[in-house]
Amino acid sequence: MNSITKKIMIYSMVGMMQVGFCVSAIEASPLYNEGTQRIVQLDDRQDQENARHEQEMRRHDGESAQNWNDRQWRENQHHEQFR
């Protein structure tokens, strides 16, 4: 029984070391870093577009209801194309 426990512990430690080596190699690779930078840039662009869309959807001072509805329709079309 004691030898089975030792083998389980040794194989577990070897498995954890392999996972650790693989993770560090993946994080150090340039492809991983470029991918995460692209995701951050896309998130920033999406946040900027959402803020711009919110601003454009508000009614301007002195704007008629018809003009406001037309502008909202155009803005929604533009926003859908961005996505």
PDB file of N, CA and C in Angstrom:
ATOM      1  N   MET A   1       0.820  -1.196   0.000  1.00  0.00           N
ATOM      2  CA  MET A   1       0.000   0.000   0.000  1.00  0.00           C
ATOM      3  C   MET A   1       0.864   1.260   0.000  1.00  0.00           C
ATOM      4  N   ASN A   2       1.955   1.176   0.711  1.00  0.00           N
ATOM      5  CA  ASN A   2       2.839   2.324   0.820  1.00  0.00           C
ATOM      6  C   ASN A   2       3.472   2.646  -0.534  1.00  0.00           C
ATOM      7  N   SER A   3       3.820   1.644  -1.334  1.00  0.00           N
ATOM      8  CA  SER A   3       4.451   1.890  -2.626  1.00  0.00           C
ATOM      9  C   SER A   3       3.455   2.499  -3.616  1.00  0.00           C
ATOM     10  N   ILE A   4       2.165   2.120  -3.519  1.00  0.00           N
ATOM     11  CA  ILE A   4       1.145   2.700  -4.396  1.00  0.00           C
ATOM     12  C   ILE A   4       0.988   4.190  -4.096  1.00  0.00           C
ATOM     13  N   THR A   5       1.000   4.548  -2.834  1.00  0.00           N
ATOM     14  CA  THR A   5       0.884   5.956  -2.440  1.00  0.00           C
ATOM     15  C   THR A   5       2.066   6.761  -2.968  1.00  0.00           C
ATOM     16  N   LYS A   6       3.264   6.201  -2.863  1.00  0.00           N
ATOM     17  CA  LYS A   6       4.450   6.896  -3.363  1.00  0.00           C
ATOM     18  C   LYS A   6       4.359   7.111  -4.875  1.00  0.00           C
ATOM     19  N   LYS A   7       3.912   6.073  -5.602  1.00  0.00           N
ATOM     20  CA  LYS A   7       3.796   6.193  -7.049  1.00  0.00           C
ATOM     21  C   LYS A   7       2.767   7.255  -7.437  1.00  0.00           C
ATOM     22  N   ILE A   8       1.647   7.265  -6.742  1.00  0.00           N
ATOM     23  CA  ILE A   8       0.618   8.277  -7.027  1.00  0.00           C
ATOM     24  C   ILE A   8       1.170   9.674  -6.790  1.00  0.00           C
ATOM     25  N   MET A   9       1.886   9.859  -5.695  1.00  0.00           N
ATOM     26  CA  MET A   9       2.460  11.179  -5.392  1.00  0.00           C
ATOM     27  C   MET A   9       3.481  11.585  -6.449  1.00  0.00           C
ATOM     28  N   ILE A  10       4.334  10.666  -6.863  1.00  0.00           N
ATOM     29  CA  ILE A  10       5.372  10.984  -7.840  1.00  0.00           C
ATOM     30  C   ILE A  10       4.751  11.327  -9.189  1.00  0.00           C
ATOM     31  N   TYR A  11       3.797  10.513  -9.645  1.00  0.00           N
ATOM     32  CA  TYR A  11       3.150  10.794 -10.928  1.00  0.00           C
ATOM     33  C   TYR A  11       2.358  12.101 -10.888  1.00  0.00           C
ATOM     34  N   SER A  12       1.760  12.392  -9.765  1.00  0.00           N
ATOM     35  CA  SER A  12       1.030  13.654  -9.628  1.00  0.00           C
ATOM     36  C   SER A  12       1.977  14.839  -9.725  1.00  0.00           C
ATOM     37  N   MET A  13       3.117  14.750  -9.062  1.00  0.00           N
ATOM     38  CA  MET A  13       4.088  15.848  -9.105  1.00  0.00           C
ATOM     39  C   MET A  13       4.647  16.025 -10.518  1.00  0.00           C
ATOM     40  N   VAL A  14       4.934  14.914 -11.205  1.00  0.00           N
ATOM     41  CA  VAL A  14       5.441  14.999 -12.583  1.00  0.00           C
ATOM     42  C   VAL A  14       4.390  15.636 -13.485  1.00  0.00           C
ATOM     43  N   GLY A  15       3.144  15.264 -13.310  1.00  0.00           N
ATOM     44  CA  GLY A  15       2.061  15.853 -14.108  1.00  0.00           C
ATOM     45  C   GLY A  15       1.923  17.343 -13.865  1.00  0.00           C
ATOM     46  N   MET A  16       2.023  17.752 -12.602  1.00  0.00           N
ATOM     47  CA  MET A  16       1.929  19.182 -12.294  1.00  0.00           C
ATOM     48  C   MET A  16       3.102  19.945 -12.882  1.00  0.00           C
ATOM     49  N   MET A  17       4.298  19.352 -12.874  1.00  0.00           N
ATOM     50  CA  MET A  17       5.455  20.031 -13.457  1.00  0.00           C
ATOM     51  C   MET A  17       5.276  20.193 -14.963  1.00  0.00           C
ATOM     52  N   GLN A  18       4.746  19.173 -15.625  1.00  0.00           N
ATOM     53  CA  GLN A  18       4.529  19.273 -17.067  1.00  0.00           C
ATOM     54  C   GLN A  18       3.516  20.369 -17.395  1.00  0.00           C
ATOM     55  N   VAL A  19       2.457  20.438 -16.626  1.00  0.00           N
ATOM     56  CA  VAL A  19       1.461  21.487 -16.849  1.00  0.00           C
ATOM     57  C   VAL A  19       2.095  22.858 -16.634  1.00  0.00           C
ATOM     58  N   GLY A  20       2.902  22.992 -15.600  1.00  0.00           N
ATOM     59  CA  GLY A  20       3.570  24.266 -15.323  1.00  0.00           C
ATOM     60  C   GLY A  20       4.495  24.685 -16.446  1.00  0.00           C
ATOM     61  N   PHE A  21       5.268  23.740 -16.975  1.00  0.00           N
ATOM     62  CA  PHE A  21       6.173  24.053 -18.083  1.00  0.00           C
ATOM     63  C   PHE A  21       5.398  24.461 -19.330  1.00  0.00           C
ATOM     64  N   CYS A  22       4.323  23.765 -19.609  1.00  0.00           N
ATOM     65  CA  CYS A  22       3.522  24.080 -20.799  1.00  0.00           C
ATOM     66  C   CYS A  22       2.892  25.460 -20.692  1.00  0.00           C
ATOM     67  N   VAL A  23       2.362  25.788 -19.533  1.00  0.00           N
ATOM     68  CA  VAL A  23       1.714  27.092 -19.344  1.00  0.00           C
ATOM     69  C   VAL A  23       2.729  28.214 -19.505  1.00  0.00           C
ATOM     70  N   SER A  24       3.906  28.062 -18.916  1.00  0.00           N
ATOM     71  CA  SER A  24       4.913  29.122 -19.028  1.00  0.00           C
ATOM     72  C   SER A  24       5.386  29.269 -20.473  1.00  0.00           C
ATOM     73  N   ALA A  25       5.490  28.159 -21.201  1.00  0.00           N
ATOM     74  CA  ALA A  25       5.911  28.236 -22.606  1.00  0.00           C
ATOM     75  C   ALA A  25       4.833  28.912 -23.455  1.00  0.00           C
ATOM     76  N   ILE A  26       3.581  28.612 -23.177  1.00  0.00           N
ATOM     77  CA  ILE A  26       2.497  29.220 -23.951  1.00  0.00           C
ATOM     78  C   ILE A  26       2.422  30.723 -23.684  1.00  0.00           C
ATOM     79  N   GLU A  27       2.552  31.126 -22.428  1.00  0.00           N
ATOM     80  CA  GLU A  27       2.483  32.556 -22.107  1.00  0.00           C
ATOM     81  C   GLU A  27       3.663  33.322 -22.674  1.00  0.00           C
ATOM     82  N   ALA A  28       4.796  32.676 -22.820  1.00  0.00           N
ATOM     83  CA  ALA A  28       5.980  33.347 -23.348  1.00  0.00           C
ATOM     84  C   ALA A  28       5.965  33.433 -24.871  1.00  0.00           C
ATOM     85  N   SER A  29       5.099  32.681 -25.512  1.00  0.00           N
ATOM     86  CA  SER A  29       5.099  32.674 -26.974  1.00  0.00           C
ATOM     87  C   SER A  29       4.557  33.992 -27.517  1.00  0.00           C
ATOM     88  N   PRO A  30       5.103  34.470 -28.622  1.00  0.00           N
ATOM     89  CA  PRO A  30       4.643  35.748 -29.198  1.00  0.00           C
ATOM     90  C   PRO A  30       3.218  35.673 -29.726  1.00  0.00           C
ATOM     91  N   LEU A  31       2.787  34.516 -30.182  1.00  0.00           N
ATOM     92  CA  LEU A  31       1.422  34.404 -30.695  1.00  0.00           C
ATOM     93  C   LEU A  31       0.408  34.618 -29.581  1.00  0.00           C
ATOM     94  N   TYR A  32       0.677  34.109 -28.399  1.00  0.00           N
ATOM     95  CA  TYR A  32      -0.236  34.285 -27.270  1.00  0.00           C
ATOM     96  C   TYR A  32      -0.337  35.759 -26.900  1.00  0.00           C
ATOM     97  N   ASN A  33       0.805  36.444 -26.843  1.00  0.00           N
ATOM     98  CA  ASN A  33       0.812  37.862 -26.468  1.00  0.00           C
ATOM     99  C   ASN A  33       0.096  38.714 -27.511  1.00  0.00           C
ATOM    100  N   GLU A  34       0.306  38.428 -28.804  1.00  0.00           N
ATOM    101  CA  GLU A  34      -0.371  39.189 -29.856  1.00  0.00           C
ATOM    102  C   GLU A  34      -1.880  38.984 -29.786  1.00  0.00           C
ATOM    103  N   GLY A  35      -2.287  37.766 -29.490  1.00  0.00           N
ATOM    104  CA  GLY A  35      -3.716  37.472 -29.390  1.00  0.00           C
ATOM    105  C   GLY A  35      -4.372  38.217 -28.253  1.00  0.00           C
ATOM    106  N   THR A  36      -3.710  38.278 -27.110  1.00  0.00           N
ATOM    107  CA  THR A  36      -4.304  38.987 -25.981  1.00  0.00           C
ATOM    108  C   THR A  36      -4.323  40.490 -26.238  1.00  0.00           C
ATOM    109  N   GLN A  37      -3.308  41.013 -26.925  1.00  0.00           N
ATOM    110  CA  GLN A  37      -3.300  42.442 -27.246  1.00  0.00           C
ATOM    111  C   GLN A  37      -4.431  42.773 -28.205  1.00  0.00           C
ATOM    112  N   ARG A  38      -4.688  41.893 -29.177  1.00  0.00           N
ATOM    113  CA  ARG A  38      -5.788  42.130 -30.116  1.00  0.00           C
ATOM    114  C   ARG A  38      -7.124  42.138 -29.393  1.00  0.00           C
ATOM    115  N   ILE A  39      -7.292  41.234 -28.459  1.00  0.00           N
ATOM    116  CA  ILE A  39      -8.547  41.169 -27.704  1.00  0.00           C
ATOM    117  C   ILE A  39      -8.745  42.461 -26.916  1.00  0.00           C
ATOM    118  N   VAL A  40      -7.696  42.954 -26.291  1.00  0.00           N
ATOM    119  CA  VAL A  40      -7.792  44.201 -25.524  1.00  0.00           C
ATOM    120  C   VAL A  40      -8.130  45.367 -26.447  1.00  0.00           C
ATOM    121  N   GLN A  41      -7.489  45.404 -27.618  1.00  0.00           N
ATOM    122  CA  GLN A  41      -7.771  46.485 -28.568  1.00  0.00           C
ATOM    123  C   GLN A  41      -9.207  46.411 -29.063  1.00  0.00           C
ATOM    124  N   LEU A  42      -9.693  45.212 -29.344  1.00  0.00           N
ATOM    125  CA  LEU A  42     -11.077  45.072 -29.792  1.00  0.00           C
ATOM    126  C   LEU A  42     -12.053  45.494 -28.700  1.00  0.00           C
ATOM    127  N   ASP A  43     -11.751  45.155 -27.457  1.00  0.00           N
ATOM    128  CA  ASP A  43     -12.609  45.568 -26.351  1.00  0.00           C
ATOM    129  C   ASP A  43     -12.637  47.085 -26.223  1.00  0.00           C
ATOM    130  N   ASP A  44     -11.466  47.727 -26.379  1.00  0.00           N
ATOM    131  CA  ASP A  44     -11.407  49.182 -26.301  1.00  0.00           C
ATOM    132  C   ASP A  44     -12.210  49.823 -27.433  1.00  0.00           C
ATOM    133  N   ARG A  45     -12.070  49.289 -28.649  1.00  0.00           N
ATOM    134  CA  ARG A  45     -12.828  49.839 -29.778  1.00  0.00           C
ATOM    135  C   ARG A  45     -14.326  49.651 -29.564  1.00  0.00           C
ATOM    136  N   GLN A  46     -14.708  48.500 -29.021  1.00  0.00           N
ATOM    137  CA  GLN A  46     -16.130  48.238 -28.765  1.00  0.00           C
ATOM    138  C   GLN A  46     -16.669  49.208 -27.714  1.00  0.00           C
ATOM    139  N   ASP A  47     -15.882  49.469 -26.667  1.00  0.00           N
ATOM    140  CA  ASP A  47     -16.307  50.420 -25.643  1.00  0.00           C
ATOM    141  C   ASP A  47     -16.460  51.824 -26.225  1.00  0.00           C
ATOM    142  N   GLN A  48     -15.520  52.226 -27.078  1.00  0.00           N
ATOM    143  CA  GLN A  48     -15.604  53.546 -27.703  1.00  0.00           C
ATOM    144  C   GLN A  48     -16.835  53.644 -28.601  1.00  0.00           C
ATOM    145  N   GLU A  49     -17.097  52.586 -29.372  1.00  0.00           N
ATOM    146  CA  GLU A  49     -18.263  52.589 -30.257  1.00  0.00           C
ATOM    147  C   GLU A  49     -19.552  52.635 -29.442  1.00  0.00           C
ATOM    148  N   ASN A  50     -19.605  51.907 -28.348  1.00  0.00           N
ATOM    149  CA  ASN A  50     -20.806  51.923 -27.516  1.00  0.00           C
ATOM    150  C   ASN A  50     -21.043  53.304 -26.904  1.00  0.00           C
ATOM    151  N   ALA A  51     -19.971  53.970 -26.470  1.00  0.00           N
ATOM    152  CA  ALA A  51     -20.114  55.312 -25.912  1.00  0.00           C
ATOM    153  C   ALA A  51     -20.590  56.296 -26.984  1.00  0.00           C
ATOM    154  N   ARG A  52     -20.019  56.185 -28.200  1.00  0.00           N
ATOM    155  CA  ARG A  52     -20.436  57.053 -29.294  1.00  0.00           C
ATOM    156  C   ARG A  52     -21.899  56.801 -29.652  1.00  0.00           C
ATOM    157  N   HIS A  53     -22.290  55.547 -29.666  1.00  0.00           N
ATOM    158  CA  HIS A  53     -23.666  55.179 -29.995  1.00  0.00           C
ATOM    159  C   HIS A  53     -24.636  55.745 -28.957  1.00  0.00           C
ATOM    160  N   GLU A  54     -24.288  55.637 -27.693  1.00  0.00           N
ATOM    161  CA  GLU A  54     -25.138  56.192 -26.631  1.00  0.00           C
ATOM    162  C   GLU A  54     -25.320  57.699 -26.819  1.00  0.00           C
ATOM    163  N   GLN A  55     -24.232  58.376 -27.139  1.00  0.00           N
ATOM    164  CA  GLN A  55     -24.289  59.826 -27.326  1.00  0.00           C
ATOM    165  C   GLN A  55     -25.178  60.185 -28.511  1.00  0.00           C
ATOM    166  N   GLU A  56     -25.051  59.450 -29.609  1.00  0.00           N
ATOM    167  CA  GLU A  56     -25.819  59.748 -30.814  1.00  0.00           C
ATOM    168  C   GLU A  56     -27.299  59.419 -30.656  1.00  0.00           C
ATOM    169  N   MET A  57     -27.631  58.496 -29.784  1.00  0.00           N
ATOM    170  CA  MET A  57     -29.027  58.096 -29.624  1.00  0.00           C
ATOM    171  C   MET A  57     -29.831  59.118 -28.815  1.00  0.00           C
ATOM    172  N   ARG A  58     -29.139  59.989 -28.100  1.00  0.00           N
ATOM    173  CA  ARG A  58     -29.855  61.018 -27.327  1.00  0.00           C
ATOM    174  C   ARG A  58     -30.425  62.076 -28.265  1.00  0.00           C
ATOM    175  N   ARG A  59     -31.520  62.636 -27.851  1.00  0.00           N
ATOM    176  CA  ARG A  59     -32.168  63.666 -28.674  1.00  0.00           C
ATOM    177  C   ARG A  59     -31.439  64.998 -28.505  1.00  0.00           C
ATOM    178  N   HIS A  60     -31.171  65.663 -29.618  1.00  0.00           N
ATOM    179  CA  HIS A  60     -30.506  66.963 -29.588  1.00  0.00           C
ATOM    180  C   HIS A  60     -31.517  68.065 -29.276  1.00  0.00           C
ATOM    181  N   ASP A  61     -31.023  69.176 -28.757  1.00  0.00           N
ATOM    182  CA  ASP A  61     -31.886  70.323 -28.473  1.00  0.00           C
ATOM    183  C   ASP A  61     -32.476  70.866 -29.768  1.00  0.00           C
ATOM    184  N   GLY A  62     -33.760  71.117 -29.770  1.00  0.00           N
ATOM    185  CA  GLY A  62     -34.432  71.710 -30.916  1.00  0.00           C
ATOM    186  C   GLY A  62     -34.645  70.746 -32.074  1.00  0.00           C
ATOM    187  N   GLU A  63     -34.469  69.486 -31.877  1.00  0.00           N
ATOM    188  CA  GLU A  63     -34.618  68.502 -32.940  1.00  0.00           C
ATOM    189  C   GLU A  63     -36.058  67.981 -32.962  1.00  0.00           C
ATOM    190  N   SER A  64     -36.642  67.926 -34.129  1.00  0.00           N
ATOM    191  CA  SER A  64     -38.022  67.450 -34.229  1.00  0.00           C
ATOM    192  C   SER A  64     -38.057  65.931 -34.030  1.00  0.00           C
ATOM    193  N   ALA A  65     -39.234  65.422 -33.710  1.00  0.00           N
ATOM    194  CA  ALA A  65     -39.383  63.987 -33.468  1.00  0.00           C
ATOM    195  C   ALA A  65     -39.068  63.195 -34.736  1.00  0.00           C
ATOM    196  N   GLN A  66     -39.466  63.695 -35.884  1.00  0.00           N
ATOM    197  CA  GLN A  66     -39.200  62.994 -37.146  1.00  0.00           C
ATOM    198  C   GLN A  66     -37.697  62.928 -37.432  1.00  0.00           C
ATOM    199  N   ASN A  67     -37.013  64.058 -37.262  1.00  0.00           N
ATOM    200  CA  ASN A  67     -35.562  64.072 -37.484  1.00  0.00           C
ATOM    201  C   ASN A  67     -34.845  63.146 -36.496  1.00  0.00           C
ATOM    202  N   TRP A  68     -35.320  63.155 -35.270  1.00  0.00           N
ATOM    203  CA  TRP A  68     -34.709  62.311 -34.236  1.00  0.00           C
ATOM    204  C   TRP A  68     -34.898  60.835 -34.581  1.00  0.00           C
ATOM    205  N   ASN A  69     -36.097  60.459 -35.017  1.00  0.00           N
ATOM    206  CA  ASN A  69     -36.350  59.066 -35.393  1.00  0.00           C
ATOM    207  C   ASN A  69     -35.517  58.651 -36.602  1.00  0.00           C
ATOM    208  N   ASP A  70     -35.383  59.546 -37.581  1.00  0.00           N
ATOM    209  CA  ASP A  70     -34.551  59.250 -38.749  1.00  0.00           C
ATOM    210  C   ASP A  70     -33.088  59.055 -38.352  1.00  0.00           C
ATOM    211  N   ARG A  71     -32.608  59.944 -37.493  1.00  0.00           N
ATOM    212  CA  ARG A  71     -31.223  59.853 -37.050  1.00  0.00           C
ATOM    213  C   ARG A  71     -31.001  58.582 -36.228  1.00  0.00           C
ATOM    214  N   GLN A  72     -31.969  58.219 -35.410  1.00  0.00           N
ATOM    215  CA  GLN A  72     -31.852  56.974 -34.636  1.00  0.00           C
ATOM    216  C   GLN A  72     -31.790  55.763 -35.559  1.00  0.00           C
ATOM    217  N   TRP A  73     -32.611  55.761 -36.600  1.00  0.00           N
ATOM    218  CA  TRP A  73     -32.609  54.645 -37.532  1.00  0.00           C
ATOM    219  C   TRP A  73     -31.242  54.510 -38.218  1.00  0.00           C
ATOM    220  N   ARG A  74     -30.710  55.670 -38.704  1.00  0.00           N
ATOM    221  CA  ARG A  74     -29.398  55.646 -39.358  1.00  0.00           C
ATOM    222  C   ARG A  74     -28.301  55.205 -38.381  1.00  0.00           C
ATOM    223  N   GLU A  75     -28.384  55.684 -37.160  1.00  0.00           N
ATOM    224  CA  GLU A  75     -27.380  55.323 -36.161  1.00  0.00           C
ATOM    225  C   GLU A  75     -27.445  53.835 -35.819  1.00  0.00           C
ATOM    226  N   ASN A  76     -28.641  53.298 -35.734  1.00  0.00           N
ATOM    227  CA  ASN A  76     -28.772  51.871 -35.471  1.00  0.00           C
ATOM    228  C   ASN A  76     -28.202  51.048 -36.622  1.00  0.00           C
ATOM    229  N   GLN A  77     -28.409  51.501 -37.854  1.00  0.00           N
ATOM    230  CA  GLN A  77     -27.833  50.806 -39.005  1.00  0.00           C
ATOM    231  C   GLN A  77     -26.303  50.836 -38.941  1.00  0.00           C
ATOM    232  N   HIS A  78     -25.757  52.002 -38.616  1.00  0.00           N
ATOM    233  CA  HIS A  78     -24.303  52.162 -38.515  1.00  0.00           C
ATOM    234  C   HIS A  78     -23.752  51.282 -37.397  1.00  0.00           C
ATOM    235  N   HIS A  79     -24.427  51.259 -36.272  1.00  0.00           N
ATOM    236  CA  HIS A  79     -23.971  50.484 -35.116  1.00  0.00           C
ATOM    237  C   HIS A  79     -24.005  48.980 -35.419  1.00  0.00           C
ATOM    238  N   GLU A  80     -24.990  48.529 -36.136  1.00  0.00           N
ATOM    239  CA  GLU A  80     -25.089  47.115 -36.502  1.00  0.00           C
ATOM    240  C   GLU A  80     -23.969  46.719 -37.462  1.00  0.00           C
ATOM    241  N   GLN A  81     -23.574  47.621 -38.357  1.00  0.00           N
ATOM    242  CA  GLN A  81     -22.480  47.345 -39.274  1.00  0.00           C
ATOM    243  C   GLN A  81     -21.162  47.234 -38.535  1.00  0.00           C
ATOM    244  N   PHE A  82     -21.002  47.996 -37.462  1.00  0.00           N
ATOM    245  CA  PHE A  82     -19.768  47.965 -36.683  1.00  0.00           C
ATOM    246  C   PHE A  82     -19.581  46.616 -36.020  1.00  0.00           C
ATOM    247  N   ARG A  83     -20.671  46.051 -35.549  1.00  0.00           N
ATOM    248  CA  ARG A  83     -20.572  44.754 -34.868  1.00  0.00           C
ATOM    249  C   ARG A  83     -20.218  43.714 -35.873  1.00  0.00           C
TER     250      ARG A  83
END
